[in-house]
């Protein structure tokens, strides 16, 4: 046995061994801690639903173009190309352009939104309400051509697309919820026009023009209610 070993070297070896041991212990604790706190979360994939307003009791809304109509049922094709048939009863109510209407406003070719009854199922749907959506445009006025008796209005939506609105002597005007005239349609104003798609398939023949944002509950699906930013076209605004 070497009795002349330097005490200083022995101390260094002991210190190094202790540090290595401590590092291994702490490293093991770190791995164990990470393993004990690691969790895996499985998220269920969302189930896509139908477009349109939700019905009572969480029932999804339905919407599309009417392809067949009778006194007791209505068939429409949704934006995905799927055909749906819903039952109509004496309790079914009807709306058009945000106003109470009769069953006569629904026709083959109409764009509708269906609010199912609470007892409807995926295989048997009864309509509590049928909302007929007229073609509509919403945006900021960029020009007004007044050379004729009825102005031709060009608007720009929030995405920068411009559309032409053709008016006639039968077009009605509403200004901030009150009856108005065409004189209220000025460059820079926000308007919403409702009517029919023109024969050129790019313009709107307006039956009504609202100057100022439409009040909540009166705008067609996708139009911006009062106090919100302009929304441009609604979700597949009929004909556009």
Protein backbone atom coordinates (compact mmCIF):
# COMPACT_ATOMS: atom_id res chain seq x y z
CA UNK A 1 0.00 0.00 0.00
CA UNK A 2 1.35 3.39 -1.02
CA UNK A 3 1.41 5.40 2.16
CA UNK A 4 2.94 8.36 0.33
CA UNK A 5 -0.24 9.11 -1.85
CA UNK A 6 -0.88 12.82 -1.84
CA UNK A 7 -3.83 13.81 0.39
CA UNK A 8 -4.62 16.58 -2.09
CA UNK A 9 -5.06 14.12 -5.00
CA UNK A 10 -7.25 11.83 -2.89
CA UNK A 11 -9.47 14.75 -2.01
CA UNK A 12 -9.87 15.72 -5.68
CA UNK A 13 -10.82 12.15 -6.66
CA UNK A 14 -13.40 11.98 -3.87
CA UNK A 15 -14.88 15.33 -4.88
CA UNK A 16 -15.11 14.30 -8.53
CA UNK A 17 -16.77 10.99 -7.63
CA UNK A 18 -19.34 12.77 -5.45
CA UNK A 19 -20.14 15.29 -8.18
CA UNK A 20 -20.59 12.52 -10.77
CA UNK A 21 -22.87 10.57 -8.42
CA UNK A 22 -24.95 13.68 -7.68
CA UNK A 23 -25.25 14.43 -11.39
CA UNK A 24 -26.48 10.93 -12.18
CA UNK A 25 -29.01 11.09 -9.36
CA UNK A 26 -30.31 14.50 -10.37
CA UNK A 27 -30.42 13.46 -14.02
CA UNK A 28 -32.41 10.39 -13.11
CA UNK A 29 -34.81 12.48 -11.09
CA UNK A 30 -35.25 14.85 -14.03
CA UNK A 31 -36.07 12.01 -16.42
CA UNK A 32 -38.46 10.49 -13.91
CA UNK A 33 -40.12 13.86 -13.35
CA UNK A 34 -40.53 14.47 -17.07
CA UNK A 35 -41.97 10.98 -17.52
CA UNK A 36 -44.39 11.41 -14.64
CA UNK A 37 -45.70 14.77 -15.92
CA UNK A 38 -45.98 13.80 -19.59
CA UNK A 39 -49.59 13.21 -20.64
CA UNK A 40 -51.26 12.43 -23.92
CA UNK A 41 -54.54 14.12 -24.78
CA UNK A 42 -56.74 12.63 -27.45
CA UNK A 43 -59.05 15.18 -29.08
CA UNK A 44 -62.09 13.86 -30.83
CA UNK A 45 -62.40 15.15 -34.37
CA UNK A 46 -65.17 17.74 -34.71
CA UNK A 47 -68.27 16.54 -36.46
CA UNK A 48 -69.27 18.91 -39.28
CA UNK A 49 -72.83 20.13 -39.15
CA UNK A 50 -75.21 21.74 -41.58
CA UNK A 51 -75.14 25.41 -42.39
CA UNK A 52 -77.74 27.78 -41.10
CA UNK A 53 -79.13 28.90 -37.74
CA UNK A 54 -79.31 26.34 -34.99
CA UNK A 55 -82.74 25.10 -34.08
CA UNK A 56 -84.17 24.86 -30.59
CA UNK A 57 -82.66 22.32 -28.27
CA UNK A 58 -79.37 22.34 -30.18
CA UNK A 59 -80.81 21.00 -33.44
CA UNK A 60 -78.59 22.07 -36.36
CA UNK A 61 -79.93 24.38 -39.02
CA UNK A 62 -80.43 23.24 -42.63
CA UNK A 63 -80.21 25.27 -45.79
CA UNK A 64 -80.09 25.11 -49.56
CA UNK A 65 -82.01 25.48 -52.81
CA UNK A 66 -85.56 24.12 -53.05
CA UNK A 67 -85.92 21.39 -55.69
CA UNK A 68 -89.43 20.10 -54.88
CA UNK A 69 -92.37 21.46 -52.93
CA UNK A 70 -95.79 20.25 -51.83
CA UNK A 71 -98.30 21.23 -49.18
CA UNK A 72 -96.78 18.78 -46.70
CA UNK A 73 -93.08 18.62 -47.56
CA UNK A 74 -90.15 20.52 -48.99
CA UNK A 75 -87.02 19.09 -50.62
CA UNK A 76 -83.80 21.06 -51.01
CA UNK A 77 -80.18 20.46 -51.95
CA UNK A 78 -77.56 21.77 -49.52
CA UNK A 79 -74.23 23.37 -50.59
CA UNK A 80 -72.54 19.95 -50.45
CA UNK A 81 -75.00 18.55 -53.00
CA UNK A 82 -76.95 16.42 -50.51
CA UNK A 83 -80.73 16.31 -50.88
CA UNK A 84 -82.95 16.70 -47.80
CA UNK A 85 -86.71 16.43 -47.39
CA UNK A 86 -88.45 18.08 -44.46
CA UNK A 87 -92.07 17.87 -43.37
CA UNK A 88 -94.30 20.94 -43.33
CA UNK A 89 -97.21 21.24 -40.92
CA UNK A 90 -99.91 23.75 -40.06
CA UNK A 91 -97.59 24.98 -37.27
CA UNK A 92 -94.69 25.75 -39.65
CA UNK A 93 -94.02 29.51 -39.90
CA UNK A 94 -92.42 31.44 -42.76
CA UNK A 95 -90.14 34.47 -43.05
CA UNK A 96 -88.84 36.38 -46.05
CA UNK A 97 -86.33 39.22 -45.97
CA UNK A 98 -86.60 39.30 -42.17
CA UNK A 99 -90.37 39.73 -42.22
CA UNK A 100 -93.19 37.33 -41.41
CA UNK A 101 -94.57 35.78 -44.59
CA UNK A 102 -96.86 33.01 -45.79
CA UNK A 103 -96.12 29.61 -47.29
CA UNK A 104 -96.63 31.15 -50.74
CA UNK A 105 -93.21 32.83 -50.66
CA UNK A 106 -91.51 29.44 -51.03
CA UNK A 107 -91.05 28.18 -54.58
CA UNK A 108 -88.83 25.75 -56.45
CA UNK A 109 -85.49 27.54 -56.81
CA UNK A 110 -85.83 29.51 -53.58
CA UNK A 111 -82.87 29.62 -51.20
CA UNK A 112 -84.16 28.64 -47.76
CA UNK A 113 -82.98 28.02 -44.22
CA UNK A 114 -84.88 25.49 -42.12
CA UNK A 115 -85.22 25.62 -38.36
CA UNK A 116 -86.18 22.09 -37.25
CA UNK A 117 -88.63 21.33 -34.46
CA UNK A 118 -87.20 20.11 -31.16
CA UNK A 119 -88.36 16.54 -31.79
CA UNK A 120 -86.74 16.31 -35.23
CA UNK A 121 -84.10 13.65 -35.81
CA UNK A 122 -81.44 13.18 -38.47
CA UNK A 123 -83.77 10.82 -40.34
CA UNK A 124 -87.06 12.63 -39.76
CA UNK A 125 -87.09 16.43 -39.89
CA UNK A 126 -90.10 18.68 -39.40
CA UNK A 127 -89.74 22.39 -40.11
CA UNK A 128 -90.65 24.74 -37.30
CA UNK A 129 -89.68 27.72 -39.49
CA UNK A 130 -88.76 28.25 -43.12
CA UNK A 131 -86.71 31.36 -43.89
CA UNK A 132 -86.64 32.38 -47.55
CA UNK A 133 -83.40 34.18 -48.37
CA UNK A 134 -83.54 36.75 -51.13
CA UNK A 135 -80.34 37.62 -53.02
CA UNK A 136 -78.62 40.51 -51.27
CA UNK A 137 -75.47 42.63 -51.40
CA UNK A 138 -73.81 44.54 -48.59
CA UNK A 139 -70.96 47.02 -48.84
CA UNK A 140 -69.76 50.61 -49.05
CA UNK A 141 -71.00 52.86 -51.86
CA UNK A 142 -68.18 53.83 -54.24
CA UNK A 143 -70.29 55.47 -56.95
CA UNK A 144 -73.86 56.50 -57.70
CA UNK A 145 -74.96 57.07 -61.30
CA UNK A 146 -77.97 59.39 -61.24
CA UNK A 147 -78.29 60.33 -64.91
CA UNK A 148 -81.55 58.38 -65.14
CA UNK A 149 -84.66 58.47 -63.00
CA UNK A 150 -83.40 55.60 -60.84
CA UNK A 151 -79.79 55.46 -59.61
CA UNK A 152 -77.34 52.70 -60.45
CA UNK A 153 -75.19 52.06 -57.39
CA UNK A 154 -71.76 50.44 -57.23
CA UNK A 155 -70.63 49.08 -53.86
CA UNK A 156 -67.43 47.52 -52.60
CA UNK A 157 -67.43 44.72 -50.04
CA UNK A 158 -64.84 44.18 -47.31
CA UNK A 159 -62.73 42.02 -49.66
CA UNK A 160 -62.55 44.72 -52.32
CA UNK A 161 -64.99 43.17 -54.79
CA UNK A 162 -67.33 45.63 -56.49
CA UNK A 163 -70.93 44.90 -57.44
CA UNK A 164 -73.58 46.86 -59.27
CA UNK A 165 -77.04 47.47 -57.81
CA UNK A 166 -79.76 48.46 -60.26
CA UNK A 167 -82.77 50.28 -58.83
CA UNK A 168 -86.16 51.17 -60.26
CA UNK A 169 -89.12 53.36 -59.42
CA UNK A 170 -90.47 50.46 -57.34
CA UNK A 171 -87.34 50.22 -55.14
CA UNK A 172 -87.96 51.24 -51.54
CA UNK A 173 -85.40 52.86 -49.23
CA UNK A 174 -84.84 52.67 -45.51
CA UNK A 175 -82.44 55.00 -43.68
CA UNK A 176 -81.35 53.85 -40.23
CA UNK A 177 -84.62 52.00 -39.76
CA UNK A 178 -86.94 54.73 -41.08
CA UNK A 179 -88.47 55.28 -44.52
CA UNK A 180 -86.15 57.22 -46.82
CA UNK A 181 -85.38 58.07 -50.43
CA UNK A 182 -82.66 57.42 -52.98
CA UNK A 183 -81.10 60.76 -52.02
CA UNK A 184 -79.71 59.07 -48.89
CA UNK A 185 -77.47 56.80 -50.96
CA UNK A 186 -74.15 58.64 -50.96
CA UNK A 187 -70.55 57.65 -51.61
CA UNK A 188 -69.04 56.27 -48.42
CA UNK A 189 -72.36 55.04 -46.98
CA UNK A 190 -72.85 51.43 -46.00
CA UNK A 191 -75.90 49.90 -47.68
CA UNK A 192 -77.60 46.56 -48.02
CA UNK A 193 -79.69 45.87 -51.11
CA UNK A 194 -82.16 43.00 -51.45
CA UNK A 195 -83.81 41.86 -54.65
CA UNK A 196 -83.24 39.48 -57.55
CA UNK A 197 -80.23 38.47 -59.61
CA UNK A 198 -80.18 40.40 -62.87
CA UNK A 199 -80.24 38.57 -66.19
CA UNK A 200 -76.53 39.35 -66.59
CA UNK A 201 -75.84 37.25 -63.45
CA UNK A 202 -73.53 39.92 -62.01
CA UNK A 203 -75.84 42.76 -60.96
CA UNK A 204 -78.63 42.89 -58.40
CA UNK A 205 -82.06 44.29 -59.29
CA UNK A 206 -82.98 45.85 -55.96
CA UNK A 207 -86.46 45.80 -54.50
CA UNK A 208 -85.23 47.47 -51.30
CA UNK A 209 -82.15 49.37 -50.18
CA UNK A 210 -81.22 49.91 -46.56
CA UNK A 211 -78.83 52.80 -45.87
CA UNK A 212 -76.86 52.18 -42.69
CA UNK A 213 -76.18 48.81 -41.15
CA UNK A 214 -79.24 46.55 -40.91
CA UNK A 215 -80.67 46.17 -37.43
CA UNK A 216 -80.02 42.89 -35.63
CA UNK A 217 -82.52 40.21 -36.58
CA UNK A 218 -83.56 41.86 -39.86
CA UNK A 219 -80.64 41.06 -42.14
CA UNK A 220 -80.47 37.95 -44.30
CA UNK A 221 -78.08 35.18 -43.25
CA UNK A 222 -74.50 36.43 -43.45
CA UNK A 223 -75.30 40.15 -43.54
CA UNK A 224 -73.76 42.23 -40.78
CA UNK A 225 -76.10 43.40 -37.99
CA UNK A 226 -75.98 46.94 -36.74
CA UNK A 227 -72.77 47.72 -34.90
CA UNK A 228 -70.65 45.07 -36.61
CA UNK A 229 -68.18 45.35 -39.43
CA UNK A 230 -69.48 45.01 -43.01
CA UNK A 231 -69.51 41.37 -43.98
CA UNK A 232 -69.72 41.64 -47.74
CA UNK A 233 -71.53 38.70 -49.18
CA UNK A 234 -73.38 36.30 -46.93
CA UNK A 235 -72.53 32.60 -46.84
CA UNK A 236 -73.26 31.82 -50.47
CA UNK A 237 -75.69 34.72 -50.84
CA UNK A 238 -78.18 33.34 -53.36
CA UNK A 239 -76.92 33.88 -56.87
CA UNK A 240 -73.55 35.30 -55.79
